[in-house]
Amino acid sequence: MSIDPRERQRILEIAREVRRHVRKASGVHCSPDGLCGEASLALSVRLTRAQIPHEIWGGLWKGPISVEGEAWNVEQEAGWADPHLLHGAHRQHTWIVFPQHDGAVLDVTADQFHKVPGIWFPAREEWYERNEKFDPKDIFEAATMGTSFIVKKDDDEGESRHIGDPIIPLSGPRFRRPPKGLKVRVREHLKHPPRSCLCHKSKAVDRARRSLVRRLK
């Protein structure tokens, strides 16, 4: 799987911003139980604004469950042996898929189930069972205009749902690439900042400046 480094960086920037809201909502030391849908909606709106094609999928987590939380409690009480647990409601999950990158999965709440990175990209596709597909355009319109969106399941016509008051804000920084002219001016300033600029007065700022120069090449 080959993902353009610049697009990968943009995806990760969006994921980090949403993940910060996830941790704020769940608590730093708690697993993000039940926040997968909120996080996926927030990711989708930001990805749409950044003009990055993607899909939103709802379905089941098929991977292991090793983190104490709602799903872990359900399976522990059942003795971990019931085969029906693999299809239980406690495994319902939502995530982002990038068809243009061979179906790469982005998940910022998988650590509610198993010890995986908080921002897991690309995640293991075999641990996800797709059931419902959400249209990013409908999600974006519903988020920005307060309308309903359609959830499609298999070959059904779909059902209408409405976005209520989100726990994770649907608005956030815009991650569009800057216009070429602005990008050139910023790059030149970073390479040759005036003596009055803070770039010369702090080692930390200077390191950040050098990092930005590399990213803007």
C-alpha atoms as a PDB file:
ATOM      1  CA  MET A   1       0.000   0.000   0.000  1.00  0.00           C
ATOM      2  CA  SER A   2       1.543   3.282  -1.130  1.00  0.00           C
ATOM      3  CA  ILE A   3       0.192   6.563   0.243  1.00  0.00           C
ATOM      4  CA  ASP A   4       1.557   9.887  -0.933  1.00  0.00           C
ATOM      5  CA  PRO A   5       3.581  11.309   2.011  1.00  0.00           C
ATOM      6  CA  ARG A   6       1.919  14.733   1.767  1.00  0.00           C
ATOM      7  CA  GLU A   7      -1.599  13.295   1.761  1.00  0.00           C
ATOM      8  CA  ARG A   8      -0.671  10.954   4.593  1.00  0.00           C
ATOM      9  CA  GLN A   9       0.577  13.934   6.589  1.00  0.00           C
ATOM     10  CA  ARG A  10      -2.665  15.845   5.989  1.00  0.00           C
ATOM     11  CA  ILE A  11      -4.750  12.832   7.072  1.00  0.00           C
ATOM     12  CA  LEU A  12      -2.676  12.434  10.237  1.00  0.00           C
ATOM     13  CA  GLU A  13      -2.963  16.155  11.063  1.00  0.00           C
ATOM     14  CA  ILE A  14      -6.749  15.877  10.895  1.00  0.00           C
ATOM     15  CA  ALA A  15      -6.717  12.642  12.905  1.00  0.00           C
ATOM     16  CA  ARG A  16      -4.550  14.197  15.636  1.00  0.00           C
ATOM     17  CA  GLU A  17      -6.896  17.163  15.975  1.00  0.00           C
ATOM     18  CA  VAL A  18      -9.951  14.905  16.305  1.00  0.00           C
ATOM     19  CA  ARG A  19      -8.114  12.553  18.660  1.00  0.00           C
ATOM     20  CA  ARG A  20      -7.459  15.456  21.034  1.00  0.00           C
ATOM     21  CA  HIS A  21     -11.222  15.997  21.257  1.00  0.00           C
ATOM     22  CA  VAL A  22     -11.733  12.253  21.792  1.00  0.00           C
ATOM     23  CA  ARG A  23      -9.346  12.239  24.749  1.00  0.00           C
ATOM     24  CA  LYS A  24     -10.989  15.337  26.163  1.00  0.00           C
ATOM     25  CA  ALA A  25     -14.431  13.724  25.934  1.00  0.00           C
ATOM     26  CA  SER A  26     -13.422  10.323  27.313  1.00  0.00           C
ATOM     27  CA  GLY A  27     -10.859  11.402  29.874  1.00  0.00           C
ATOM     28  CA  VAL A  28      -7.112  11.041  29.465  1.00  0.00           C
ATOM     29  CA  HIS A  29      -6.926   7.800  31.437  1.00  0.00           C
ATOM     30  CA  CYS A  30     -10.144   6.197  30.124  1.00  0.00           C
ATOM     31  CA  SER A  31     -10.841   4.250  26.939  1.00  0.00           C
ATOM     32  CA  PRO A  32     -12.938   6.085  24.332  1.00  0.00           C
ATOM     33  CA  ASP A  33     -16.010   3.859  24.752  1.00  0.00           C
ATOM     34  CA  GLY A  34     -18.906   4.830  22.498  1.00  0.00           C
ATOM     35  CA  LEU A  35     -17.113   7.711  20.775  1.00  0.00           C
ATOM     36  CA  CYS A  36     -16.356   5.981  17.463  1.00  0.00           C
ATOM     37  CA  GLY A  37     -19.426   7.397  15.708  1.00  0.00           C
ATOM     38  CA  GLU A  38     -18.815  10.951  16.941  1.00  0.00           C
ATOM     39  CA  ALA A  39     -15.138  10.741  16.006  1.00  0.00           C
ATOM     40  CA  SER A  40     -15.870   9.351  12.532  1.00  0.00           C
ATOM     41  CA  LEU A  41     -18.376  12.133  11.799  1.00  0.00           C
ATOM     42  CA  ALA A  42     -15.856  14.753  12.939  1.00  0.00           C
ATOM     43  CA  LEU A  43     -13.123  13.144  10.818  1.00  0.00           C
ATOM     44  CA  SER A  44     -15.399  13.003   7.779  1.00  0.00           C
ATOM     45  CA  VAL A  45     -16.381  16.680   7.932  1.00  0.00           C
ATOM     46  CA  ARG A  46     -12.724  17.716   8.194  1.00  0.00           C
ATOM     47  CA  LEU A  47     -11.617  15.331   5.424  1.00  0.00           C
ATOM     48  CA  THR A  48     -14.367  16.660   3.151  1.00  0.00           C
ATOM     49  CA  ARG A  49     -13.243  20.239   3.790  1.00  0.00           C
ATOM     50  CA  ALA A  50      -9.679  19.168   2.994  1.00  0.00           C
ATOM     51  CA  GLN A  51     -10.952  17.566  -0.245  1.00  0.00           C
ATOM     52  CA  ILE A  52      -9.634  14.112   0.699  1.00  0.00           C
ATOM     53  CA  PRO A  53     -11.895  11.322  -0.684  1.00  0.00           C
ATOM     54  CA  HIS A  54     -13.033   8.792   1.906  1.00  0.00           C
ATOM     55  CA  GLU A  55     -15.882   6.570   3.078  1.00  0.00           C
ATOM     56  CA  ILE A  56     -17.498   6.162   6.504  1.00  0.00           C
ATOM     57  CA  TRP A  57     -18.364   2.620   7.516  1.00  0.00           C
ATOM     58  CA  GLY A  58     -20.278   1.209  10.433  1.00  0.00           C
ATOM     59  CA  GLY A  59     -20.100  -2.428  11.405  1.00  0.00           C
ATOM     60  CA  LEU A  60     -18.410  -4.745  13.859  1.00  0.00           C
ATOM     61  CA  TRP A  61     -14.988  -4.879  15.468  1.00  0.00           C
ATOM     62  CA  LYS A  62     -13.712  -8.400  14.757  1.00  0.00           C
ATOM     63  CA  GLY A  63     -10.357  -8.050  16.466  1.00  0.00           C
ATOM     64  CA  PRO A  64      -9.386  -9.055  19.998  1.00  0.00           C
ATOM     65  CA  ILE A  65     -10.714  -7.292  23.073  1.00  0.00           C
ATOM     66  CA  SER A  66      -8.062  -6.773  25.731  1.00  0.00           C
ATOM     67  CA  VAL A  67      -8.781  -3.302  27.155  1.00  0.00           C
ATOM     68  CA  GLU A  68     -11.070  -2.970  30.152  1.00  0.00           C
ATOM     69  CA  GLY A  69     -14.232  -1.184  29.107  1.00  0.00           C
ATOM     70  CA  GLU A  70     -17.827  -1.836  28.072  1.00  0.00           C
ATOM     71  CA  ALA A  71     -16.986  -4.492  25.457  1.00  0.00           C
ATOM     72  CA  TRP A  72     -14.447  -6.188  27.744  1.00  0.00           C
ATOM     73  CA  ASN A  73     -16.992  -6.382  30.578  1.00  0.00           C
ATOM     74  CA  VAL A  74     -19.634  -7.969  28.327  1.00  0.00           C
ATOM     75  CA  GLU A  75     -17.304 -10.686  27.102  1.00  0.00           C
ATOM     76  CA  GLN A  76     -15.824 -11.336  30.539  1.00  0.00           C
ATOM     77  CA  GLU A  77     -19.281 -11.864  32.057  1.00  0.00           C
ATOM     78  CA  ALA A  78     -20.078 -14.357  29.276  1.00  0.00           C
ATOM     79  CA  GLY A  79     -16.859 -16.247  29.920  1.00  0.00           C
ATOM     80  CA  TRP A  80     -15.296 -15.283  26.563  1.00  0.00           C
ATOM     81  CA  ALA A  81     -16.552 -18.557  25.075  1.00  0.00           C
ATOM     82  CA  ASP A  82     -19.906 -17.698  23.473  1.00  0.00           C
ATOM     83  CA  PRO A  83     -19.443 -17.593  19.631  1.00  0.00           C
ATOM     84  CA  HIS A  84     -22.375 -15.159  19.393  1.00  0.00           C
ATOM     85  CA  LEU A  85     -20.188 -12.568  21.128  1.00  0.00           C
ATOM     86  CA  LEU A  86     -18.416 -11.963  17.805  1.00  0.00           C
ATOM     87  CA  HIS A  87     -21.655 -10.400  16.544  1.00  0.00           C
ATOM     88  CA  GLY A  88     -22.788  -8.682  19.742  1.00  0.00           C
ATOM     89  CA  ALA A  89     -23.897  -5.064  19.969  1.00  0.00           C
ATOM     90  CA  HIS A  90     -20.910  -4.336  22.213  1.00  0.00           C
ATOM     91  CA  ARG A  91     -18.671  -4.773  19.129  1.00  0.00           C
ATOM     92  CA  GLN A  92     -20.476  -2.176  17.014  1.00  0.00           C
ATOM     93  CA  HIS A  93     -17.983   0.308  15.629  1.00  0.00           C
ATOM     94  CA  THR A  94     -17.494   3.099  13.065  1.00  0.00           C
ATOM     95  CA  TRP A  95     -14.364   4.013  11.114  1.00  0.00           C
ATOM     96  CA  ILE A  96     -12.973   5.745   7.994  1.00  0.00           C
ATOM     97  CA  VAL A  97     -11.880   4.018   4.766  1.00  0.00           C
ATOM     98  CA  PHE A  98      -9.809   5.486   1.903  1.00  0.00           C
ATOM     99  CA  PRO A  99     -10.721   3.609  -1.337  1.00  0.00           C
ATOM    100  CA  GLN A 100      -8.015   5.464  -3.291  1.00  0.00           C
ATOM    101  CA  HIS A 101      -5.417   3.890  -0.971  1.00  0.00           C
ATOM    102  CA  ASP A 102      -6.510   0.259  -1.397  1.00  0.00           C
ATOM    103  CA  GLY A 103      -9.131   0.548   1.315  1.00  0.00           C
ATOM    104  CA  ALA A 104      -6.762   1.773   4.035  1.00  0.00           C
ATOM    105  CA  VAL A 105      -8.573   2.093   7.385  1.00  0.00           C
ATOM    106  CA  LEU A 106      -8.245   5.086   9.727  1.00  0.00           C
ATOM    107  CA  ASP A 107      -9.455   4.508  13.282  1.00  0.00           C
ATOM    108  CA  VAL A 108      -8.999   6.930  16.180  1.00  0.00           C
ATOM    109  CA  THR A 109     -10.997   4.960  18.771  1.00  0.00           C
ATOM    110  CA  ALA A 110      -9.866   1.340  18.263  1.00  0.00           C
ATOM    111  CA  ASP A 111      -7.992   1.493  21.555  1.00  0.00           C
ATOM    112  CA  GLN A 112     -11.342   1.093  23.326  1.00  0.00           C
ATOM    113  CA  PHE A 113     -11.072  -2.579  22.326  1.00  0.00           C
ATOM    114  CA  HIS A 114      -7.399  -3.503  22.059  1.00  0.00           C
ATOM    115  CA  LYS A 115      -3.943  -2.097  22.719  1.00  0.00           C
ATOM    116  CA  VAL A 116      -3.394  -0.353  19.388  1.00  0.00           C
ATOM    117  CA  PRO A 117      -2.237   3.203  18.578  1.00  0.00           C
ATOM    118  CA  GLY A 118      -4.739   5.941  19.420  1.00  0.00           C
ATOM    119  CA  ILE A 119      -4.441   7.062  15.803  1.00  0.00           C
ATOM    120  CA  TRP A 120      -4.294   3.788  13.883  1.00  0.00           C
ATOM    121  CA  PHE A 121      -3.521   4.318  10.215  1.00  0.00           C
ATOM    122  CA  PRO A 122      -3.531   2.098   8.337  1.00  0.00           C
ATOM    123  CA  ALA A 123      -5.370  -0.307  10.643  1.00  0.00           C
ATOM    124  CA  ARG A 124      -5.738  -4.056  10.069  1.00  0.00           C
ATOM    125  CA  GLU A 125      -8.612  -4.411   7.614  1.00  0.00           C
ATOM    126  CA  GLU A 126      -9.395  -7.996   8.674  1.00  0.00           C
ATOM    127  CA  TRP A 127     -10.445  -6.718  12.110  1.00  0.00           C
ATOM    128  CA  TYR A 128     -13.354  -4.749  10.611  1.00  0.00           C
ATOM    129  CA  GLU A 129     -16.651  -6.128   9.290  1.00  0.00           C
ATOM    130  CA  ARG A 130     -18.529  -3.605   7.142  1.00  0.00           C
ATOM    131  CA  ASN A 131     -22.312  -3.356   7.472  1.00  0.00           C
ATOM    132  CA  GLU A 132     -23.447   0.240   6.905  1.00  0.00           C
ATOM    133  CA  LYS A 133     -22.038   2.856   4.567  1.00  0.00           C
ATOM    134  CA  PHE A 134     -22.457   6.587   5.188  1.00  0.00           C
ATOM    135  CA  ASP A 135     -22.148   9.164   2.408  1.00  0.00           C
ATOM    136  CA  PRO A 136     -19.553  11.841   3.359  1.00  0.00           C
ATOM    137  CA  LYS A 137     -21.390  14.452   1.267  1.00  0.00           C
ATOM    138  CA  ASP A 138     -24.622  13.828   3.165  1.00  0.00           C
ATOM    139  CA  ILE A 139     -22.728  13.950   6.464  1.00  0.00           C
ATOM    140  CA  PHE A 140     -21.102  17.251   5.517  1.00  0.00           C
ATOM    141  CA  GLU A 141     -24.424  18.768   4.457  1.00  0.00           C
ATOM    142  CA  ALA A 142     -26.139  17.512   7.604  1.00  0.00           C
ATOM    143  CA  ALA A 143     -23.357  18.897   9.784  1.00  0.00           C
ATOM    144  CA  THR A 144     -23.210  22.319   8.140  1.00  0.00           C
ATOM    145  CA  MET A 145     -26.914  22.861   7.355  1.00  0.00           C
ATOM    146  CA  GLY A 146     -28.619  20.859  10.104  1.00  0.00           C
ATOM    147  CA  THR A 147     -30.356  18.444   7.695  1.00  0.00           C
ATOM    148  CA  SER A 148     -30.722  14.662   7.955  1.00  0.00           C
ATOM    149  CA  PHE A 149     -28.529  12.092   6.226  1.00  0.00           C
ATOM    150  CA  ILE A 150     -29.200   8.628   4.805  1.00  0.00           C
ATOM    151  CA  VAL A 151     -27.675   5.427   6.184  1.00  0.00           C
ATOM    152  CA  LYS A 152     -27.460   2.605   3.625  1.00  0.00           C
ATOM    153  CA  LYS A 153     -27.319  -1.032   4.739  1.00  0.00           C
ATOM    154  CA  ASP A 154     -26.564  -3.706   2.138  1.00  0.00           C
ATOM    155  CA  ASP A 155     -29.084  -3.193  -0.714  1.00  0.00           C
ATOM    156  CA  ASP A 156     -31.737  -1.405   1.346  1.00  0.00           C
ATOM    157  CA  GLU A 157     -33.027   2.020   0.409  1.00  0.00           C
ATOM    158  CA  GLY A 158     -31.653   3.318   3.695  1.00  0.00           C
ATOM    159  CA  GLU A 159     -33.006   5.209   6.666  1.00  0.00           C
ATOM    160  CA  SER A 160     -32.869   8.886   7.536  1.00  0.00           C
ATOM    161  CA  ARG A 161     -30.931  10.008  10.591  1.00  0.00           C
ATOM    162  CA  HIS A 162     -30.196  13.394  12.104  1.00  0.00           C
ATOM    163  CA  ILE A 163     -27.033  14.711  13.726  1.00  0.00           C
ATOM    164  CA  GLY A 164     -27.845  15.938  17.213  1.00  0.00           C
ATOM    165  CA  ASP A 165     -25.612  18.032  19.442  1.00  0.00           C
ATOM    166  CA  PRO A 166     -22.167  16.504  18.826  1.00  0.00           C
ATOM    167  CA  ILE A 167     -19.835  15.683  21.688  1.00  0.00           C
ATOM    168  CA  ILE A 168     -16.863  16.217  19.372  1.00  0.00           C
ATOM    169  CA  PRO A 169     -17.124  19.534  17.471  1.00  0.00           C
ATOM    170  CA  LEU A 170     -17.710  19.063  13.764  1.00  0.00           C
ATOM    171  CA  SER A 171     -15.919  22.297  12.915  1.00  0.00           C
ATOM    172  CA  GLY A 172     -12.189  22.571  13.196  1.00  0.00           C
ATOM    173  CA  PRO A 173      -9.056  23.909  11.491  1.00  0.00           C
ATOM    174  CA  ARG A 174      -9.133  23.890   7.722  1.00  0.00           C
ATOM    175  CA  PHE A 175      -6.447  21.598   6.367  1.00  0.00           C
ATOM    176  CA  ARG A 176      -6.458  22.720   2.751  1.00  0.00           C
ATOM    177  CA  ARG A 177      -3.120  23.167   1.043  1.00  0.00           C
ATOM    178  CA  PRO A 178      -2.189  26.867   0.908  1.00  0.00           C
ATOM    179  CA  PRO A 179      -2.249  28.638  -2.477  1.00  0.00           C
ATOM    180  CA  LYS A 180       1.017  28.242  -4.349  1.00  0.00           C
ATOM    181  CA  GLY A 181       1.922  31.941  -4.111  1.00  0.00           C
ATOM    182  CA  LEU A 182       1.327  32.018  -0.358  1.00  0.00           C
ATOM    183  CA  LYS A 183       3.270  28.792   0.045  1.00  0.00           C
ATOM    184  CA  VAL A 184       6.269  30.326  -1.744  1.00  0.00           C
ATOM    185  CA  ARG A 185       6.161  33.470   0.417  1.00  0.00           C
ATOM    186  CA  VAL A 186       5.943  31.427   3.618  1.00  0.00           C
ATOM    187  CA  ARG A 187       8.805  29.193   2.509  1.00  0.00           C
ATOM    188  CA  GLU A 188      11.017  32.152   1.682  1.00  0.00           C
ATOM    189  CA  HIS A 189      10.240  33.801   5.017  1.00  0.00           C
ATOM    190  CA  LEU A 190      11.074  30.602   6.889  1.00  0.00           C
ATOM    191  CA  LYS A 191      14.329  30.152   4.979  1.00  0.00           C
ATOM    192  CA  HIS A 192      15.420  33.775   5.367  1.00  0.00           C
ATOM    193  CA  PRO A 193      13.490  35.337   8.279  1.00  0.00           C
ATOM    194  CA  PRO A 194      14.162  39.004   9.153  1.00  0.00           C
ATOM    195  CA  ARG A 195      16.270  39.663  12.223  1.00  0.00           C
ATOM    196  CA  SER A 196      13.219  40.974  14.067  1.00  0.00           C
ATOM    197  CA  CYS A 197      11.417  37.625  13.728  1.00  0.00           C
ATOM    198  CA  LEU A 198      11.145  35.219  16.667  1.00  0.00           C
ATOM    199  CA  CYS A 199      12.751  32.557  14.471  1.00  0.00           C
ATOM    200  CA  HIS A 200      16.113  33.934  15.617  1.00  0.00           C
ATOM    201  CA  LYS A 201      15.282  34.197  19.312  1.00  0.00           C
ATOM    202  CA  SER A 202      14.312  30.664  20.361  1.00  0.00           C
ATOM    203  CA  LYS A 203      15.934  27.302  19.705  1.00  0.00           C
ATOM    204  CA  ALA A 204      12.536  25.584  19.912  1.00  0.00           C
ATOM    205  CA  VAL A 205      11.033  27.982  17.380  1.00  0.00           C
ATOM    206  CA  ASP A 206      14.068  27.551  15.146  1.00  0.00           C
ATOM    207  CA  ARG A 207      13.678  23.760  15.203  1.00  0.00           C
ATOM    208  CA  ALA A 208      10.010  24.137  14.291  1.00  0.00           C
ATOM    209  CA  ARG A 209      10.987  26.541  11.510  1.00  0.00           C
ATOM    210  CA  ARG A 210      13.461  24.045  10.042  1.00  0.00           C
ATOM    211  CA  SER A 211      10.833  21.298  10.220  1.00  0.00           C
ATOM    212  CA  LEU A 212       8.321  23.480   8.368  1.00  0.00           C
ATOM    213  CA  VAL A 213      10.883  24.261   5.679  1.00  0.00           C
ATOM    214  CA  ARG A 214      11.355  20.529   5.054  1.00  0.00           C
ATOM    215  CA  ARG A 215       7.579  19.959   4.884  1.00  0.00           C
ATOM    216  CA  LEU A 216       7.021  22.832   2.453  1.00  0.00           C
ATOM    217  CA  LYS A 217       9.590  21.625  -0.076  1.00  0.00           C
END
